[in-house]
Amino acid sequence: MVLTRDFKETIRERVERDPAFREALLTEGIECLLAGDIDTGKAVLRDYINATIGFHKLGGLTHKSPKSLMRMFGPGGNPQAHNLFEIIGQLQTREGVQLKVQAVR
């Protein structure tokens, strides 16, 4: 089945017009990471970054190469905890949210 629209373009347009979707995308990516689904979490955060701040601007904020950041969130990427939490902190600040972990049984 062929997609009629580019997925990244569709996500970007939805993120621009729907702040709740943008926040949900960030939250979902982090929740996947916390649940141990690292590959999905990285993919969702990569989509979020591409649709919002972009890797170039994020690199400037974190003092890291945009290419290095892209590799971290790529399929084979393995970001160190220090880098990952710094990036998540920057994304939360930019989004104007503070995500909290809540234990659930």
PDB file of N, CA and C in Angstrom:
ATOM      1  N   MET A   1       0.848  -1.180   0.000  1.00  0.00           N
ATOM      2  CA  MET A   1       0.000   0.000   0.000  1.00  0.00           C
ATOM      3  C   MET A   1       0.894   1.244   0.000  1.00  0.00           C
ATOM      4  N   VAL A   2       0.623   2.145  -0.893  1.00  0.00           N
ATOM      5  CA  VAL A   2       1.402   3.371  -1.027  1.00  0.00           C
ATOM      6  C   VAL A   2       0.715   4.483  -0.243  1.00  0.00           C
ATOM      7  N   LEU A   3       1.497   5.202   0.547  1.00  0.00           N
ATOM      8  CA  LEU A   3       0.946   6.346   1.268  1.00  0.00           C
ATOM      9  C   LEU A   3       0.813   7.521   0.307  1.00  0.00           C
ATOM     10  N   THR A   4      -0.281   8.250   0.404  1.00  0.00           N
ATOM     11  CA  THR A   4      -0.493   9.370  -0.507  1.00  0.00           C
ATOM     12  C   THR A   4       0.180  10.642  -0.026  1.00  0.00           C
ATOM     13  N   ARG A   5       0.484  10.735   1.279  1.00  0.00           N
ATOM     14  CA  ARG A   5       1.168  11.901   1.826  1.00  0.00           C
ATOM     15  C   ARG A   5       2.389  11.436   2.587  1.00  0.00           C
ATOM     16  N   ASP A   6       3.371  12.278   2.624  1.00  0.00           N
ATOM     17  CA  ASP A   6       4.563  11.991   3.406  1.00  0.00           C
ATOM     18  C   ASP A   6       4.205  12.002   4.883  1.00  0.00           C
ATOM     19  N   PHE A   7       4.566  10.955   5.605  1.00  0.00           N
ATOM     20  CA  PHE A   7       4.239  10.828   7.019  1.00  0.00           C
ATOM     21  C   PHE A   7       4.800  11.993   7.823  1.00  0.00           C
ATOM     22  N   LYS A   8       6.054  12.353   7.570  1.00  0.00           N
ATOM     23  CA  LYS A   8       6.680  13.453   8.315  1.00  0.00           C
ATOM     24  C   LYS A   8       5.939  14.766   8.089  1.00  0.00           C
ATOM     25  N   GLU A   9       5.497  14.988   6.877  1.00  0.00           N
ATOM     26  CA  GLU A   9       4.746  16.204   6.562  1.00  0.00           C
ATOM     27  C   GLU A   9       3.407  16.219   7.307  1.00  0.00           C
ATOM     28  N   THR A  10       2.747  15.076   7.356  1.00  0.00           N
ATOM     29  CA  THR A  10       1.470  14.968   8.058  1.00  0.00           C
ATOM     30  C   THR A  10       1.652  15.245   9.549  1.00  0.00           C
ATOM     31  N   ILE A  11       2.676  14.659  10.145  1.00  0.00           N
ATOM     32  CA  ILE A  11       2.961  14.880  11.565  1.00  0.00           C
ATOM     33  C   ILE A  11       3.276  16.351  11.809  1.00  0.00           C
ATOM     34  N   ARG A  12       4.139  16.936  10.979  1.00  0.00           N
ATOM     35  CA  ARG A  12       4.533  18.334  11.145  1.00  0.00           C
ATOM     36  C   ARG A  12       3.314  19.259  11.100  1.00  0.00           C
ATOM     37  N   GLU A  13       2.427  19.047  10.161  1.00  0.00           N
ATOM     38  CA  GLU A  13       1.241  19.891  10.039  1.00  0.00           C
ATOM     39  C   GLU A  13       0.322  19.743  11.249  1.00  0.00           C
ATOM     40  N   ARG A  14       0.165  18.517  11.725  1.00  0.00           N
ATOM     41  CA  ARG A  14      -0.691  18.293  12.904  1.00  0.00           C
ATOM     42  C   ARG A  14      -0.078  18.927  14.150  1.00  0.00           C
ATOM     43  N   VAL A  15       1.239  18.811  14.301  1.00  0.00           N
ATOM     44  CA  VAL A  15       1.945  19.401  15.445  1.00  0.00           C
ATOM     45  C   VAL A  15       1.786  20.916  15.437  1.00  0.00           C
ATOM     46  N   GLU A  16       1.841  21.527  14.268  1.00  0.00           N
ATOM     47  CA  GLU A  16       1.734  22.990  14.161  1.00  0.00           C
ATOM     48  C   GLU A  16       0.353  23.497  14.554  1.00  0.00           C
ATOM     49  N   ARG A  17      -0.682  22.737  14.266  1.00  0.00           N
ATOM     50  CA  ARG A  17      -2.031  23.233  14.522  1.00  0.00           C
ATOM     51  C   ARG A  17      -2.675  22.683  15.792  1.00  0.00           C
ATOM     52  N   ASP A  18      -2.038  21.688  16.437  1.00  0.00           N
ATOM     53  CA  ASP A  18      -2.681  21.028  17.564  1.00  0.00           C
ATOM     54  C   ASP A  18      -1.710  20.865  18.740  1.00  0.00           C
ATOM     55  N   PRO A  19      -1.685  21.844  19.663  1.00  0.00           N
ATOM     56  CA  PRO A  19      -0.770  21.773  20.811  1.00  0.00           C
ATOM     57  C   PRO A  19      -0.969  20.517  21.669  1.00  0.00           C
ATOM     58  N   ALA A  20      -2.197  20.042  21.789  1.00  0.00           N
ATOM     59  CA  ALA A  20      -2.453  18.834  22.587  1.00  0.00           C
ATOM     60  C   ALA A  20      -1.796  17.615  21.943  1.00  0.00           C
ATOM     61  N   PHE A  21      -1.843  17.528  20.618  1.00  0.00           N
ATOM     62  CA  PHE A  21      -1.185  16.434  19.904  1.00  0.00           C
ATOM     63  C   PHE A  21       0.325  16.517  20.096  1.00  0.00           C
ATOM     64  N   ARG A  22       0.862  17.730  20.004  1.00  0.00           N
ATOM     65  CA  ARG A  22       2.303  17.946  20.181  1.00  0.00           C
ATOM     66  C   ARG A  22       2.741  17.464  21.560  1.00  0.00           C
ATOM     67  N   GLU A  23       2.012  17.843  22.581  1.00  0.00           N
ATOM     68  CA  GLU A  23       2.330  17.434  23.947  1.00  0.00           C
ATOM     69  C   GLU A  23       2.180  15.912  24.111  1.00  0.00           C
ATOM     70  N   ALA A  24       1.140  15.351  23.503  1.00  0.00           N
ATOM     71  CA  ALA A  24       0.914  13.906  23.588  1.00  0.00           C
ATOM     72  C   ALA A  24       2.043  13.127  22.911  1.00  0.00           C
ATOM     73  N   LEU A  25       2.562  13.652  21.817  1.00  0.00           N
ATOM     74  CA  LEU A  25       3.664  13.000  21.111  1.00  0.00           C
ATOM     75  C   LEU A  25       4.917  12.963  21.994  1.00  0.00           C
ATOM     76  N   LEU A  26       5.220  14.069  22.636  1.00  0.00           N
ATOM     77  CA  LEU A  26       6.361  14.125  23.551  1.00  0.00           C
ATOM     78  C   LEU A  26       6.154  13.158  24.713  1.00  0.00           C
ATOM     79  N   THR A  27       4.979  13.184  25.307  1.00  0.00           N
ATOM     80  CA  THR A  27       4.675  12.307  26.435  1.00  0.00           C
ATOM     81  C   THR A  27       4.770  10.843  26.037  1.00  0.00           C
ATOM     82  N   GLU A  28       4.220  10.491  24.902  1.00  0.00           N
ATOM     83  CA  GLU A  28       4.241   9.102  24.432  1.00  0.00           C
ATOM     84  C   GLU A  28       5.673   8.608  24.218  1.00  0.00           C
ATOM     85  N   GLY A  29       6.505   9.436  23.626  1.00  0.00           N
ATOM     86  CA  GLY A  29       7.894   9.038  23.414  1.00  0.00           C
ATOM     87  C   GLY A  29       8.609   8.730  24.718  1.00  0.00           C
ATOM     88  N   ILE A  30       8.408   9.581  25.709  1.00  0.00           N
ATOM     89  CA  ILE A  30       9.062   9.387  27.004  1.00  0.00           C
ATOM     90  C   ILE A  30       8.459   8.192  27.730  1.00  0.00           C
ATOM     91  N   GLU A  31       7.146   8.021  27.660  1.00  0.00           N
ATOM     92  CA  GLU A  31       6.516   6.862  28.297  1.00  0.00           C
ATOM     93  C   GLU A  31       7.016   5.551  27.687  1.00  0.00           C
ATOM     94  N   CYS A  32       7.229   5.520  26.390  1.00  0.00           N
ATOM     95  CA  CYS A  32       7.777   4.321  25.748  1.00  0.00           C
ATOM     96  C   CYS A  32       9.176   4.021  26.276  1.00  0.00           C
ATOM     97  N   LEU A  33      10.000   5.051  26.402  1.00  0.00           N
ATOM     98  CA  LEU A  33      11.346   4.852  26.952  1.00  0.00           C
ATOM     99  C   LEU A  33      11.268   4.274  28.360  1.00  0.00           C
ATOM    100  N   LEU A  34      10.418   4.853  29.203  1.00  0.00           N
ATOM    101  CA  LEU A  34      10.293   4.398  30.587  1.00  0.00           C
ATOM    102  C   LEU A  34       9.749   2.972  30.680  1.00  0.00           C
ATOM    103  N   ALA A  35       8.945   2.575  29.707  1.00  0.00           N
ATOM    104  CA  ALA A  35       8.378   1.223  29.691  1.00  0.00           C
ATOM    105  C   ALA A  35       9.348   0.201  29.108  1.00  0.00           C
ATOM    106  N   GLY A  36      10.509   0.667  28.651  1.00  0.00           N
ATOM    107  CA  GLY A  36      11.499  -0.252  28.091  1.00  0.00           C
ATOM    108  C   GLY A  36      11.395  -0.452  26.593  1.00  0.00           C
ATOM    109  N   ASP A  37      10.459   0.220  25.941  1.00  0.00           N
ATOM    110  CA  ASP A  37      10.332   0.126  24.478  1.00  0.00           C
ATOM    111  C   ASP A  37      11.187   1.236  23.863  1.00  0.00           C
ATOM    112  N   ILE A  38      12.492   1.021  23.910  1.00  0.00           N
ATOM    113  CA  ILE A  38      13.463   2.041  23.529  1.00  0.00           C
ATOM    114  C   ILE A  38      13.337   2.425  22.058  1.00  0.00           C
ATOM    115  N   ASP A  39      13.203   1.435  21.191  1.00  0.00           N
ATOM    116  CA  ASP A  39      13.146   1.734  19.751  1.00  0.00           C
ATOM    117  C   ASP A  39      11.945   2.613  19.403  1.00  0.00           C
ATOM    118  N   THR A  40      10.779   2.286  19.955  1.00  0.00           N
ATOM    119  CA  THR A  40       9.589   3.095  19.686  1.00  0.00           C
ATOM    120  C   THR A  40       9.737   4.474  20.305  1.00  0.00           C
ATOM    121  N   GLY A  41      10.237   4.533  21.533  1.00  0.00           N
ATOM    122  CA  GLY A  41      10.432   5.824  22.193  1.00  0.00           C
ATOM    123  C   GLY A  41      11.346   6.734  21.402  1.00  0.00           C
ATOM    124  N   LYS A  42      12.465   6.194  20.907  1.00  0.00           N
ATOM    125  CA  LYS A  42      13.386   7.006  20.106  1.00  0.00           C
ATOM    126  C   LYS A  42      12.722   7.459  18.815  1.00  0.00           C
ATOM    127  N   ALA A  43      11.968   6.573  18.178  1.00  0.00           N
ATOM    128  CA  ALA A  43      11.303   6.919  16.921  1.00  0.00           C
ATOM    129  C   ALA A  43      10.271   8.027  17.124  1.00  0.00           C
ATOM    130  N   VAL A  44       9.493   7.932  18.201  1.00  0.00           N
ATOM    131  CA  VAL A  44       8.473   8.951  18.477  1.00  0.00           C
ATOM    132  C   VAL A  44       9.145  10.289  18.802  1.00  0.00           C
ATOM    133  N   LEU A  45      10.199  10.246  19.624  1.00  0.00           N
ATOM    134  CA  LEU A  45      10.904  11.489  19.937  1.00  0.00           C
ATOM    135  C   LEU A  45      11.578  12.075  18.701  1.00  0.00           C
ATOM    136  N   ARG A  46      12.093  11.230  17.822  1.00  0.00           N
ATOM    137  CA  ARG A  46      12.680  11.720  16.571  1.00  0.00           C
ATOM    138  C   ARG A  46      11.629  12.442  15.735  1.00  0.00           C
ATOM    139  N   ASP A  47      10.435  11.863  15.638  1.00  0.00           N
ATOM    140  CA  ASP A  47       9.345  12.527  14.908  1.00  0.00           C
ATOM    141  C   ASP A  47       8.978  13.847  15.572  1.00  0.00           C
ATOM    142  N   TYR A  48       8.920  13.848  16.903  1.00  0.00           N
ATOM    143  CA  TYR A  48       8.597  15.065  17.639  1.00  0.00           C
ATOM    144  C   TYR A  48       9.641  16.146  17.372  1.00  0.00           C
ATOM    145  N   ILE A  49      10.908  15.784  17.473  1.00  0.00           N
ATOM    146  CA  ILE A  49      11.989  16.753  17.255  1.00  0.00           C
ATOM    147  C   ILE A  49      11.942  17.299  15.837  1.00  0.00           C
ATOM    148  N   ASN A  50      11.780  16.414  14.852  1.00  0.00           N
ATOM    149  CA  ASN A  50      11.715  16.854  13.455  1.00  0.00           C
ATOM    150  C   ASN A  50      10.547  17.800  13.212  1.00  0.00           C
ATOM    151  N   ALA A  51       9.420  17.551  13.876  1.00  0.00           N
ATOM    152  CA  ALA A  51       8.214  18.350  13.640  1.00  0.00           C
ATOM    153  C   ALA A  51       8.191  19.640  14.444  1.00  0.00           C
ATOM    154  N   THR A  52       9.063  19.765  15.444  1.00  0.00           N
ATOM    155  CA  THR A  52       9.022  20.960  16.297  1.00  0.00           C
ATOM    156  C   THR A  52      10.329  21.740  16.188  1.00  0.00           C
ATOM    157  N   ILE A  53      11.239  21.472  17.049  1.00  0.00           N
ATOM    158  CA  ILE A  53      12.459  22.263  17.187  1.00  0.00           C
ATOM    159  C   ILE A  53      13.487  21.987  16.083  1.00  0.00           C
ATOM    160  N   GLY A  54      13.543  20.769  15.603  1.00  0.00           N
ATOM    161  CA  GLY A  54      14.544  20.377  14.611  1.00  0.00           C
ATOM    162  C   GLY A  54      15.873  20.046  15.279  1.00  0.00           C
ATOM    163  N   PHE A  55      16.631  19.185  14.644  1.00  0.00           N
ATOM    164  CA  PHE A  55      17.899  18.731  15.224  1.00  0.00           C
ATOM    165  C   PHE A  55      18.964  19.823  15.220  1.00  0.00           C
ATOM    166  N   HIS A  56      18.914  20.726  14.264  1.00  0.00           N
ATOM    167  CA  HIS A  56      19.915  21.793  14.219  1.00  0.00           C
ATOM    168  C   HIS A  56      19.783  22.712  15.439  1.00  0.00           C
ATOM    169  N   LYS A  57      18.574  23.165  15.715  1.00  0.00           N
ATOM    170  CA  LYS A  57      18.359  24.055  16.864  1.00  0.00           C
ATOM    171  C   LYS A  57      18.583  23.310  18.179  1.00  0.00           C
ATOM    172  N   LEU A  58      18.151  22.063  18.261  1.00  0.00           N
ATOM    173  CA  LEU A  58      18.377  21.270  19.463  1.00  0.00           C
ATOM    174  C   LEU A  58      19.872  21.087  19.713  1.00  0.00           C
ATOM    175  N   GLY A  59      20.630  20.917  18.635  1.00  0.00           N
ATOM    176  CA  GLY A  59      22.085  20.807  18.765  1.00  0.00           C
ATOM    177  C   GLY A  59      22.691  22.062  19.359  1.00  0.00           C
ATOM    178  N   GLY A  60      22.189  23.221  18.965  1.00  0.00           N
ATOM    179  CA  GLY A  60      22.678  24.475  19.522  1.00  0.00           C
ATOM    180  C   GLY A  60      22.366  24.610  20.999  1.00  0.00           C
ATOM    181  N   LEU A  61      21.195  24.152  21.404  1.00  0.00           N
ATOM    182  CA  LEU A  61      20.804  24.240  22.811  1.00  0.00           C
ATOM    183  C   LEU A  61      21.578  23.268  23.701  1.00  0.00           C
ATOM    184  N   THR A  62      21.928  22.118  23.140  1.00  0.00           N
ATOM    185  CA  THR A  62      22.609  21.081  23.931  1.00  0.00           C
ATOM    186  C   THR A  62      24.111  21.052  23.686  1.00  0.00           C
ATOM    187  N   HIS A  63      24.580  21.884  22.774  1.00  0.00           N
ATOM    188  CA  HIS A  63      26.003  21.927  22.406  1.00  0.00           C
ATOM    189  C   HIS A  63      26.474  20.581  21.857  1.00  0.00           C
ATOM    190  N   LYS A  64      25.608  19.962  21.069  1.00  0.00           N
ATOM    191  CA  LYS A  64      25.924  18.689  20.437  1.00  0.00           C
ATOM    192  C   LYS A  64      25.683  18.825  18.933  1.00  0.00           C
ATOM    193  N   SER A  65      26.417  18.076  18.190  1.00  0.00           N
ATOM    194  CA  SER A  65      26.272  18.085  16.740  1.00  0.00           C
ATOM    195  C   SER A  65      24.880  17.587  16.352  1.00  0.00           C
ATOM    196  N   PRO A  66      24.202  18.288  15.438  1.00  0.00           N
ATOM    197  CA  PRO A  66      22.899  17.793  14.972  1.00  0.00           C
ATOM    198  C   PRO A  66      22.985  16.372  14.414  1.00  0.00           C
ATOM    199  N   LYS A  67      24.081  16.059  13.723  1.00  0.00           N
ATOM    200  CA  LYS A  67      24.234  14.703  13.176  1.00  0.00           C
ATOM    201  C   LYS A  67      24.361  13.676  14.291  1.00  0.00           C
ATOM    202  N   SER A  68      25.055  14.042  15.360  1.00  0.00           N
ATOM    203  CA  SER A  68      25.186  13.150  16.507  1.00  0.00           C
ATOM    204  C   SER A  68      23.823  12.911  17.152  1.00  0.00           C
ATOM    205  N   LEU A  69      23.034  13.979  17.274  1.00  0.00           N
ATOM    206  CA  LEU A  69      21.692  13.842  17.833  1.00  0.00           C
ATOM    207  C   LEU A  69      20.824  12.955  16.948  1.00  0.00           C
ATOM    208  N   MET A  70      20.919  13.122  15.632  1.00  0.00           N
ATOM    209  CA  MET A  70      20.147  12.290  14.711  1.00  0.00           C
ATOM    210  C   MET A  70      20.521  10.819  14.871  1.00  0.00           C
ATOM    211  N   ARG A  71      21.826  10.548  15.031  1.00  0.00           N
ATOM    212  CA  ARG A  71      22.269   9.157  15.232  1.00  0.00           C
ATOM    213  C   ARG A  71      21.730   8.598  16.542  1.00  0.00           C
ATOM    214  N   MET A  72      21.727   9.423  17.600  1.00  0.00           N
ATOM    215  CA  MET A  72      21.225   8.964  18.905  1.00  0.00           C
ATOM    216  C   MET A  72      19.794   8.456  18.803  1.00  0.00           C
ATOM    217  N   PHE A  73      18.981   9.162  18.013  1.00  0.00           N
ATOM    218  CA  PHE A  73      17.569   8.816  17.908  1.00  0.00           C
ATOM    219  C   PHE A  73      17.265   7.951  16.689  1.00  0.00           C
ATOM    220  N   GLY A  74      18.300   7.536  15.974  1.00  0.00           N
ATOM    221  CA  GLY A  74      18.131   6.641  14.840  1.00  0.00           C
ATOM    222  C   GLY A  74      17.942   5.205  15.309  1.00  0.00           C
ATOM    223  N   PRO A  75      17.631   4.294  14.399  1.00  0.00           N
ATOM    224  CA  PRO A  75      17.370   2.896  14.760  1.00  0.00           C
ATOM    225  C   PRO A  75      18.522   2.221  15.518  1.00  0.00           C
ATOM    226  N   GLY A  76      19.753   2.539  15.182  1.00  0.00           N
ATOM    227  CA  GLY A  76      20.893   1.912  15.856  1.00  0.00           C
ATOM    228  C   GLY A  76      21.463   2.763  16.975  1.00  0.00           C
ATOM    229  N   GLY A  77      20.849   3.913  17.234  1.00  0.00           N
ATOM    230  CA  GLY A  77      21.373   4.841  18.224  1.00  0.00           C
ATOM    231  C   GLY A  77      21.224   4.328  19.650  1.00  0.00           C
ATOM    232  N   ASN A  78      22.178   4.723  20.486  1.00  0.00           N
ATOM    233  CA  ASN A  78      22.154   4.312  21.887  1.00  0.00           C
ATOM    234  C   ASN A  78      22.602   5.499  22.738  1.00  0.00           C
ATOM    235  N   PRO A  79      21.713   6.478  22.947  1.00  0.00           N
ATOM    236  CA  PRO A  79      22.122   7.669  23.684  1.00  0.00           C
ATOM    237  C   PRO A  79      22.454   7.356  25.143  1.00  0.00           C
ATOM    238  N   GLN A  80      23.491   7.997  25.646  1.00  0.00           N
ATOM    239  CA  GLN A  80      23.825   7.871  27.062  1.00  0.00           C
ATOM    240  C   GLN A  80      22.727   8.557  27.869  1.00  0.00           C
ATOM    241  N   ALA A  81      22.541   8.101  29.095  1.00  0.00           N
ATOM    242  CA  ALA A  81      21.487   8.656  29.950  1.00  0.00           C
ATOM    243  C   ALA A  81      21.660  10.162  30.126  1.00  0.00           C
ATOM    244  N   HIS A  82      22.894  10.612  30.314  1.00  0.00           N
ATOM    245  CA  HIS A  82      23.151  12.044  30.499  1.00  0.00           C
ATOM    246  C   HIS A  82      22.629  12.845  29.306  1.00  0.00           C
ATOM    247  N   ASN A  83      22.959  12.390  28.106  1.00  0.00           N
ATOM    248  CA  ASN A  83      22.508  13.078  26.890  1.00  0.00           C
ATOM    249  C   ASN A  83      20.993  13.013  26.741  1.00  0.00           C
ATOM    250  N   LEU A  84      20.436  11.843  26.981  1.00  0.00           N
ATOM    251  CA  LEU A  84      18.997  11.654  26.816  1.00  0.00           C
ATOM    252  C   LEU A  84      18.205  12.562  27.759  1.00  0.00           C
ATOM    253  N   PHE A  85      18.607  12.618  29.024  1.00  0.00           N
ATOM    254  CA  PHE A  85      17.862  13.445  29.980  1.00  0.00           C
ATOM    255  C   PHE A  85      18.081  14.931  29.735  1.00  0.00           C
ATOM    256  N   GLU A  86      19.239  15.303  29.239  1.00  0.00           N
ATOM    257  CA  GLU A  86      19.463  16.705  28.873  1.00  0.00           C
ATOM    258  C   GLU A  86      18.531  17.103  27.724  1.00  0.00           C
ATOM    259  N   ILE A  87      18.417  16.229  26.747  1.00  0.00           N
ATOM    260  CA  ILE A  87      17.547  16.486  25.594  1.00  0.00           C
ATOM    261  C   ILE A  87      16.085  16.547  26.033  1.00  0.00           C
ATOM    262  N   ILE A  88      15.661  15.593  26.852  1.00  0.00           N
ATOM    263  CA  ILE A  88      14.283  15.593  27.349  1.00  0.00           C
ATOM    264  C   ILE A  88      14.006  16.875  28.125  1.00  0.00           C
ATOM    265  N   GLY A  89      14.965  17.326  28.920  1.00  0.00           N
ATOM    266  CA  GLY A  89      14.803  18.582  29.651  1.00  0.00           C
ATOM    267  C   GLY A  89      14.613  19.761  28.718  1.00  0.00           C
ATOM    268  N   GLN A  90      15.409  19.822  27.661  1.00  0.00           N
ATOM    269  CA  GLN A  90      15.270  20.906  26.684  1.00  0.00           C
ATOM    270  C   GLN A  90      13.913  20.853  25.981  1.00  0.00           C
ATOM    271  N   LEU A  91      13.470  19.644  25.636  1.00  0.00           N
ATOM    272  CA  LEU A  91      12.177  19.506  24.950  1.00  0.00           C
ATOM    273  C   LEU A  91      11.028  19.924  25.865  1.00  0.00           C
ATOM    274  N   GLN A  92      11.094  19.560  27.144  1.00  0.00           N
ATOM    275  CA  GLN A  92      10.060  19.970  28.091  1.00  0.00           C
ATOM    276  C   GLN A  92      10.029  21.492  28.237  1.00  0.00           C
ATOM    277  N   THR A  93      11.205  22.094  28.350  1.00  0.00           N
ATOM    278  CA  THR A  93      11.288  23.546  28.490  1.00  0.00           C
ATOM    279  C   THR A  93      10.677  24.227  27.275  1.00  0.00           C
ATOM    280  N   ARG A  94      11.040  23.751  26.100  1.00  0.00           N
ATOM    281  CA  ARG A  94      10.523  24.355  24.869  1.00  0.00           C
ATOM    282  C   ARG A  94       9.015  24.196  24.749  1.00  0.00           C
ATOM    283  N   GLU A  95       8.522  23.040  25.182  1.00  0.00           N
ATOM    284  CA  GLU A  95       7.085  22.766  25.100  1.00  0.00           C
ATOM    285  C   GLU A  95       6.317  23.472  26.214  1.00  0.00           C
ATOM    286  N   GLY A  96       7.020  23.873  27.278  1.00  0.00           N
ATOM    287  CA  GLY A  96       6.355  24.539  28.392  1.00  0.00           C
ATOM    288  C   GLY A  96       5.639  23.574  29.315  1.00  0.00           C
ATOM    289  N   VAL A  97       6.137  22.349  29.383  1.00  0.00           N
ATOM    290  CA  VAL A  97       5.535  21.339  30.254  1.00  0.00           C
ATOM    291  C   VAL A  97       6.607  20.758  31.165  1.00  0.00           C
ATOM    292  N   GLN A  98       6.160  20.169  32.246  1.00  0.00           N
ATOM    293  CA  GLN A  98       7.050  19.432  33.128  1.00  0.00           C
ATOM    294  C   GLN A  98       6.394  18.079  33.348  1.00  0.00           C
ATOM    295  N   LEU A  99       6.958  17.060  32.735  1.00  0.00           N
ATOM    296  CA  LEU A  99       6.390  15.723  32.855  1.00  0.00           C
ATOM    297  C   LEU A  99       6.831  15.116  34.178  1.00  0.00           C
ATOM    298  N   LYS A 100       5.930  14.374  34.801  1.00  0.00           N
ATOM    299  CA  LYS A 100       6.212  13.716  36.078  1.00  0.00           C
ATOM    300  C   LYS A 100       5.921  12.237  35.952  1.00  0.00           C
ATOM    301  N   VAL A 101       6.703  11.447  36.655  1.00  0.00           N
ATOM    302  CA  VAL A 101       6.497  10.010  36.675  1.00  0.00           C
ATOM    303  C   VAL A 101       5.529   9.690  37.802  1.00  0.00           C
ATOM    304  N   GLN A 102       4.579   8.802  37.519  1.00  0.00           N
ATOM    305  CA  GLN A 102       3.606   8.397  38.526  1.00  0.00           C
ATOM    306  C   GLN A 102       3.581   6.876  38.556  1.00  0.00           C
ATOM    307  N   ALA A 103       3.754   6.299  39.727  1.00  0.00           N
ATOM    308  CA  ALA A 103       3.695   4.853  39.872  1.00  0.00           C
ATOM    309  C   ALA A 103       2.239   4.389  39.770  1.00  0.00           C
ATOM    310  N   VAL A 104       2.042   3.327  39.005  1.00  0.00           N
ATOM    311  CA  VAL A 104       0.705   2.762  38.819  1.00  0.00           C
ATOM    312  C   VAL A 104       0.800   1.254  38.985  1.00  0.00           C
ATOM    313  N   ARG A 105      -0.150   0.678  39.676  1.00  0.00           N
ATOM    314  CA  ARG A 105      -0.181  -0.791  39.842  1.00  0.00           C
ATOM    315  C   ARG A 105      -1.294  -1.369  39.022  1.00  0.00           C
TER     316      ARG A 105
END
